[in-house]
N, C-alpha and C. Protein backbone atom coordinates (compact mmCIF):
# COMPACT_ATOMS: atom_id res chain seq x y z
N MET A 1 2.61 -21.32 -19.61
CA MET A 1 2.27 -20.85 -18.83
C MET A 1 0.68 -20.24 -19.19
N LEU A 2 0.13 -20.14 -20.47
CA LEU A 2 -1.13 -19.34 -20.02
C LEU A 2 -2.17 -20.54 -19.94
N ARG A 3 -2.07 -21.60 -20.25
CA ARG A 3 -2.84 -22.95 -19.98
C ARG A 3 -2.71 -22.77 -18.75
N LEU A 4 -1.97 -22.42 -17.60
CA LEU A 4 -2.50 -22.64 -16.22
C LEU A 4 -2.82 -20.68 -15.76
N GLY A 5 -3.38 -19.83 -16.56
CA GLY A 5 -3.79 -18.48 -16.19
C GLY A 5 -3.07 -17.56 -15.87
N ILE A 6 -1.62 -17.78 -16.27
CA ILE A 6 -0.44 -17.27 -15.78
C ILE A 6 0.23 -16.13 -17.01
N GLY A 7 0.50 -15.17 -16.90
CA GLY A 7 0.91 -14.76 -17.79
C GLY A 7 2.59 -13.76 -16.73
N LEU A 8 3.55 -13.11 -17.43
CA LEU A 8 4.58 -12.51 -17.10
C LEU A 8 4.56 -11.40 -17.75
N THR A 9 5.30 -10.34 -16.95
CA THR A 9 5.94 -9.18 -17.71
C THR A 9 6.57 -8.49 -16.44
N ASP A 10 7.53 -7.13 -16.56
CA ASP A 10 7.91 -6.41 -15.76
C ASP A 10 7.57 -5.13 -15.83
N LEU A 11 8.20 -4.31 -14.76
CA LEU A 11 8.57 -2.88 -15.05
C LEU A 11 9.63 -2.45 -15.33
N ALA A 12 10.68 -2.79 -15.35
CA ALA A 12 11.43 -2.62 -15.64
C ALA A 12 12.17 -2.91 -17.06
N LYS A 13 11.64 -2.15 -18.40
CA LYS A 13 12.05 -3.18 -19.51
C LYS A 13 13.38 -2.16 -20.13
N PHE A 14 13.90 -1.34 -19.70
CA PHE A 14 15.32 -0.69 -20.18
C PHE A 14 16.83 -0.72 -19.51
N VAL A 15 16.37 -1.13 -18.73
CA VAL A 15 17.34 -0.68 -17.13
C VAL A 15 17.61 -2.60 -16.75
N SER A 16 18.34 -3.06 -16.37
CA SER A 16 18.35 -4.20 -15.58
C SER A 16 19.22 -4.23 -14.27
N GLY A 17 19.53 -5.12 -13.70
CA GLY A 17 20.00 -5.09 -12.71
C GLY A 17 19.30 -5.56 -11.19
N ASN A 18 19.64 -5.86 -9.98
CA ASN A 18 19.02 -5.78 -8.63
C ASN A 18 17.67 -4.91 -8.58
N ASP A 19 16.62 -4.80 -8.42
CA ASP A 19 15.68 -3.84 -8.40
C ASP A 19 16.18 -2.60 -7.28
N ASP A 20 16.55 -3.30 -6.12
CA ASP A 20 16.58 -2.23 -4.88
C ASP A 20 18.17 -1.26 -5.59
N GLU A 21 18.76 -1.28 -6.98
CA GLU A 21 19.43 -0.52 -6.92
C GLU A 21 19.27 0.30 -8.26
N LEU A 22 17.68 -0.03 -8.88
CA LEU A 22 17.44 0.58 -10.23
C LEU A 22 16.98 2.29 -9.47
N PRO A 23 16.67 3.11 -10.19
CA PRO A 23 16.00 4.11 -9.79
C PRO A 23 14.59 4.10 -9.92
N LYS A 24 13.76 5.02 -8.90
CA LYS A 24 12.22 5.06 -9.21
C LYS A 24 12.11 4.73 -10.88
N ASP A 25 12.28 5.63 -11.45
CA ASP A 25 12.01 5.90 -12.88
C ASP A 25 11.86 4.93 -13.86
N ALA A 26 12.96 3.90 -13.77
CA ALA A 26 13.38 2.99 -14.39
C ALA A 26 12.07 1.56 -14.43
N PHE A 27 11.15 1.86 -13.40
CA PHE A 27 9.85 0.96 -13.19
C PHE A 27 8.59 1.71 -14.19
N ASP A 28 8.10 1.24 -15.39
CA ASP A 28 7.19 1.59 -16.29
C ASP A 28 5.68 1.45 -15.35
N ALA A 29 5.41 2.09 -14.54
CA ALA A 29 3.71 1.59 -13.92
C ALA A 29 2.81 1.99 -15.21
N ALA A 30 3.13 3.11 -15.85
CA ALA A 30 2.06 3.55 -16.40
C ALA A 30 1.60 2.39 -17.39
N SER A 31 2.58 1.93 -18.18
CA SER A 31 2.53 0.62 -19.27
C SER A 31 1.60 -0.45 -18.69
N LEU A 32 2.10 -1.02 -17.50
CA LEU A 32 1.47 -2.07 -16.72
C LEU A 32 0.19 -1.56 -15.92
N ARG A 33 -0.21 -0.28 -16.12
CA ARG A 33 -1.65 0.00 -15.88
C ARG A 33 -2.63 -0.75 -16.99
N LYS A 34 -1.76 -0.52 -18.13
CA LYS A 34 -2.90 -0.19 -19.29
C LYS A 34 -2.77 -1.61 -19.92
N LYS A 35 -1.65 -2.61 -19.55
CA LYS A 35 -1.71 -3.91 -19.70
C LYS A 35 -2.75 -4.48 -18.83
N ILE A 36 -3.37 -4.64 -17.70
CA ILE A 36 -4.10 -4.56 -16.41
C ILE A 36 -5.42 -3.99 -16.89
N VAL A 37 -5.65 -3.39 -17.46
CA VAL A 37 -6.96 -2.73 -18.01
C VAL A 37 -7.31 -3.59 -19.55
N ARG A 38 -6.05 -4.00 -20.35
CA ARG A 38 -6.79 -4.80 -21.26
C ARG A 38 -6.70 -6.38 -21.29
N PHE A 39 -5.72 -6.73 -20.49
CA PHE A 39 -6.13 -7.97 -20.22
C PHE A 39 -7.09 -8.56 -18.85
N ARG A 40 -7.37 -7.65 -18.26
CA ARG A 40 -7.87 -8.01 -16.84
C ARG A 40 -7.63 -8.96 -16.37
N PRO A 41 -6.44 -8.97 -15.25
CA PRO A 41 -6.06 -10.27 -14.88
C PRO A 41 -7.58 -10.99 -13.48
N LYS A 42 -7.19 -11.25 -13.06
CA LYS A 42 -7.86 -11.22 -11.42
C LYS A 42 -7.37 -11.08 -10.66
N THR A 43 -5.75 -11.48 -10.73
CA THR A 43 -4.69 -11.25 -9.56
C THR A 43 -3.25 -11.41 -10.13
N LEU A 44 -2.92 -10.02 -10.28
CA LEU A 44 -1.34 -9.59 -10.37
C LEU A 44 -0.68 -9.62 -8.71
N ALA A 45 -0.01 -10.32 -9.10
CA ALA A 45 1.53 -10.78 -8.03
C ALA A 45 2.93 -10.00 -8.55
N PHE A 46 3.04 -9.03 -7.39
CA PHE A 46 4.77 -8.67 -7.69
C PHE A 46 5.51 -9.47 -7.05
N THR A 47 6.49 -9.78 -7.36
CA THR A 47 7.53 -10.73 -6.86
C THR A 47 8.90 -9.89 -6.23
N SER A 48 8.36 -8.20 -6.59
CA SER A 48 9.74 -7.21 -5.90
C SER A 48 8.83 -6.07 -4.90
N LYS A 49 8.91 -5.95 -3.93
CA LYS A 49 8.53 -5.04 -3.11
C LYS A 49 8.44 -3.54 -3.85
N ASN A 50 9.99 -3.35 -4.44
CA ASN A 50 9.96 -2.23 -5.14
C ASN A 50 9.49 -1.76 -6.73
N ALA A 51 9.29 -2.82 -6.95
CA ALA A 51 8.75 -2.71 -8.00
C ALA A 51 7.31 -2.34 -7.80
N ALA A 52 6.51 -2.77 -6.85
CA ALA A 52 4.94 -2.61 -5.93
C ALA A 52 5.06 -1.11 -5.49
N ARG A 53 6.24 -1.14 -4.78
CA ARG A 53 6.46 0.66 -4.07
C ARG A 53 6.07 1.29 -5.01
N ALA A 54 6.80 0.81 -6.41
CA ALA A 54 6.90 2.19 -7.93
C ALA A 54 5.09 1.78 -8.39
N PHE A 55 4.84 1.23 -8.48
CA PHE A 55 3.25 0.83 -9.09
C PHE A 55 2.71 1.75 -8.40
N PHE A 56 2.22 1.36 -6.78
CA PHE A 56 1.76 2.31 -5.71
C PHE A 56 1.78 3.03 -5.63
N ASP A 57 2.90 3.81 -5.61
CA ASP A 57 4.04 4.82 -5.03
C ASP A 57 3.63 5.20 -3.81
N ARG A 58 3.57 4.04 -2.64
CA ARG A 58 3.99 4.25 -1.36
C ARG A 58 4.08 2.85 -1.25
N ALA A 59 4.86 3.10 0.10
CA ALA A 59 5.21 1.69 1.08
C ALA A 59 4.14 0.55 0.98
N VAL A 60 4.85 -0.60 0.79
CA VAL A 60 3.59 -1.87 0.37
C VAL A 60 4.42 -2.71 1.64
N ASP A 61 4.04 -3.80 2.01
CA ASP A 61 3.86 -5.06 2.87
C ASP A 61 3.50 -5.77 1.99
N TYR A 62 4.20 -7.23 2.38
CA TYR A 62 3.69 -8.70 1.69
C TYR A 62 2.24 -8.93 1.98
N GLY A 63 1.83 -9.25 0.95
CA GLY A 63 0.52 -9.90 1.02
C GLY A 63 -0.77 -9.03 -0.05
N LEU A 64 -1.49 -9.65 -0.26
CA LEU A 64 -3.01 -8.67 -0.77
C LEU A 64 -2.74 -7.56 -0.23
N GLN A 65 -3.09 -6.76 -1.09
CA GLN A 65 -2.92 -4.70 -0.74
C GLN A 65 -4.51 -4.70 -1.32
N ALA A 66 -5.00 -3.89 -0.62
CA ALA A 66 -5.83 -2.92 -0.52
C ALA A 66 -6.69 -2.42 -1.71
N GLU A 67 -5.82 -2.47 -2.75
CA GLU A 67 -6.41 -1.22 -3.86
C GLU A 67 -6.85 -2.35 -5.16
N LYS A 68 -7.20 -2.15 -5.86
CA LYS A 68 -7.96 -2.89 -6.69
C LYS A 68 -7.92 -2.35 -8.31
N LEU A 69 -7.51 -2.62 -9.50
CA LEU A 69 -8.45 -1.70 -10.58
C LEU A 69 -8.73 -2.34 -11.47
N GLY A 70 -10.18 -1.95 -11.59
CA GLY A 70 -11.45 -3.07 -12.22
C GLY A 70 -11.29 -4.49 -11.53
N ASP A 71 -11.35 -5.42 -11.90
CA ASP A 71 -11.71 -6.19 -10.96
C ASP A 71 -10.25 -7.11 -10.49
N THR A 72 -8.75 -6.35 -10.86
CA THR A 72 -7.98 -6.92 -10.41
C THR A 72 -7.24 -6.65 -8.97
N SER A 73 -7.13 -7.92 -8.40
CA SER A 73 -6.32 -7.82 -7.17
C SER A 73 -4.72 -7.66 -7.30
N PHE A 74 -4.52 -7.24 -6.44
CA PHE A 74 -3.04 -6.86 -6.34
C PHE A 74 -2.19 -7.60 -5.06
N PHE A 75 -1.08 -8.86 -5.07
CA PHE A 75 -0.53 -9.41 -4.33
C PHE A 75 0.88 -8.98 -4.44
N VAL A 76 1.83 -8.96 -2.90
CA VAL A 76 3.31 -8.55 -3.01
C VAL A 76 3.77 -9.54 -2.26
N LEU A 77 4.72 -10.70 -3.16
CA LEU A 77 5.41 -11.24 -2.72
C LEU A 77 6.80 -11.20 -2.59
N PRO A 78 7.82 -12.10 -1.37
CA PRO A 78 8.98 -11.42 -1.42
C PRO A 78 9.49 -12.43 -2.83
N SER A 79 10.69 -12.02 -2.95
CA SER A 79 11.48 -12.05 -4.48
C SER A 79 11.81 -13.24 -4.23
N PRO A 80 11.81 -14.22 -5.33
CA PRO A 80 12.53 -15.46 -5.13
C PRO A 80 14.29 -15.71 -5.75
N SER A 81 14.63 -14.54 -5.88
CA SER A 81 15.84 -14.42 -6.32
C SER A 81 16.81 -14.81 -5.39
N GLY A 82 17.52 -15.90 -5.36
CA GLY A 82 18.56 -16.37 -4.42
C GLY A 82 19.45 -15.06 -3.73
N GLN A 83 19.27 -13.62 -4.20
CA GLN A 83 20.30 -12.34 -3.53
C GLN A 83 19.40 -12.55 -2.83
N ALA A 84 17.68 -12.26 -2.77
CA ALA A 84 16.92 -12.15 -1.80
C ALA A 84 16.68 -13.31 -0.89
N VAL A 85 17.64 -14.29 -0.51
CA VAL A 85 16.84 -15.32 0.27
C VAL A 85 16.83 -15.17 1.58
N LYS A 86 17.27 -13.99 2.21
CA LYS A 86 16.52 -13.73 4.07
C LYS A 86 15.61 -12.92 3.81
N PHE A 87 14.30 -12.67 2.77
CA PHE A 87 13.69 -12.23 2.95
C PHE A 87 12.40 -13.13 2.58
N PHE A 88 12.54 -14.52 1.92
CA PHE A 88 11.96 -15.48 1.65
C PHE A 88 11.32 -15.94 2.47
N ASP A 89 9.76 -16.10 2.49
CA ASP A 89 8.52 -16.49 3.21
C ASP A 89 7.61 -17.52 2.09
N LEU A 90 7.88 -19.02 2.45
CA LEU A 90 6.79 -19.88 1.91
C LEU A 90 5.41 -19.43 1.93
N GLU A 91 5.18 -19.31 3.20
CA GLU A 91 4.06 -18.61 3.50
C GLU A 91 3.15 -18.09 2.99
N ILE A 92 3.73 -17.05 2.59
CA ILE A 92 3.01 -15.97 1.92
C ILE A 92 2.64 -16.13 0.64
N TRP A 93 3.85 -17.14 -0.42
CA TRP A 93 3.13 -17.70 -1.31
C TRP A 93 2.11 -18.84 -1.41
N ARG A 94 2.12 -19.31 -0.06
CA ARG A 94 1.23 -20.72 -0.14
C ARG A 94 -0.28 -19.46 0.05
N GLU A 95 -0.01 -18.53 0.55
CA GLU A 95 -1.80 -17.36 0.79
C GLU A 95 -1.76 -16.80 -0.52
N LEU A 96 -0.89 -16.88 -1.19
CA LEU A 96 -1.52 -16.37 -2.56
C LEU A 96 -2.28 -17.52 -3.57
N ALA A 97 -1.35 -18.60 -3.08
CA ALA A 97 -2.31 -19.98 -4.13
C ALA A 97 -3.44 -20.02 -3.40
N ASN A 98 -3.81 -19.95 -2.09
CA ASN A 98 -4.89 -20.10 -1.52
C ASN A 98 -5.72 -18.90 -2.17
N LEU A 99 -5.37 -18.26 -2.44
CA LEU A 99 -6.14 -16.77 -2.58
C LEU A 99 -6.45 -17.38 -4.29
N ILE A 100 -5.52 -17.58 -5.00
CA ILE A 100 -6.05 -18.12 -7.03
C ILE A 100 -6.84 -19.09 -6.82
N ARG A 101 -6.31 -20.23 -5.81
CA ARG A 101 -7.57 -21.29 -5.92
C ARG A 101 -8.94 -21.29 -5.12
N ALA A 102 -9.02 -19.86 -4.17
CA ALA A 102 -10.42 -19.63 -3.75
C ALA A 102 -11.33 -18.79 -4.86
N SER A 103 -10.21 -18.17 -5.79
CA SER A 103 -10.61 -17.10 -6.82
C SER A 103 -11.30 -18.06 -7.81
N ARG A 104 -10.85 -19.60 -8.22
CA ARG A 104 -11.29 -20.49 -8.86
C ARG A 104 -12.55 -21.22 -8.52
N GLY A 105 -12.97 -20.86 -7.21
CA GLY A 105 -13.88 -21.93 -6.70
C GLY A 105 -13.38 -23.10 -6.27
N GLY A 106 -12.05 -23.08 -5.99
CA GLY A 106 -12.10 -24.39 -5.25
C GLY A 106 -10.64 -24.93 -6.11
N GLN A 107 -10.89 -24.86 -7.71
CA GLN A 107 -10.66 -25.86 -8.52
C GLN A 107 -9.18 -25.75 -8.53
N SER A 108 -8.33 -26.56 -9.35
CA SER A 108 -6.84 -26.32 -9.11
C SER A 108 -6.83 -26.00 -10.77
N SER A 109 -6.21 -25.65 -11.56
CA SER A 109 -5.97 -24.75 -12.64
C SER A 109 -6.41 -25.73 -13.68
N PRO A 110 -6.86 -25.66 -15.06
CA PRO A 110 -7.14 -26.64 -16.61
C PRO A 110 -6.20 -27.66 -16.49
N ALA A 111 -4.99 -27.09 -16.61
CA ALA A 111 -3.49 -27.94 -16.81
C ALA A 111 -3.28 -29.03 -16.33
N HIS A 112 -3.49 -29.09 -14.74
CA HIS A 112 -3.72 -30.37 -13.52
C HIS A 112 -4.64 -30.90 -14.09
N HIS A 113 -5.65 -30.82 -15.03
CA HIS A 113 -6.80 -31.60 -15.32
C HIS A 113 -6.32 -32.29 -16.55
N ALA A 114 -5.52 -31.88 -17.28
CA ALA A 114 -4.93 -32.45 -18.52
C ALA A 114 -3.90 -33.18 -18.26
N GLN A 115 -3.69 -33.27 -17.41
CA GLN A 115 -1.79 -34.37 -17.66
C GLN A 115 -2.73 -35.77 -17.32
């Protein structure tokens, strides 16, 4: 994944279950902010509207968010979970792909060239 420039983490480190059933304090937004400052990703995508709400402490819509942390942009996606299939929209995932492709100057990831 790192060869693709992708890292993964979660906001709920000590509680598990459907994110819509987790208490708001289950999400560790402060820890994620520290990781963003440390690793400085260009884009961070949430695959949970509830986690994004907890991080921003406000309601969110899918797509690119107005806020930035340093040079990091934020994007909210519908959950890929089968339990959230009624919210899934491939177009918003394509929008993120186009955003990332544009941030790389239209280039695909290095891993695509190594194959």
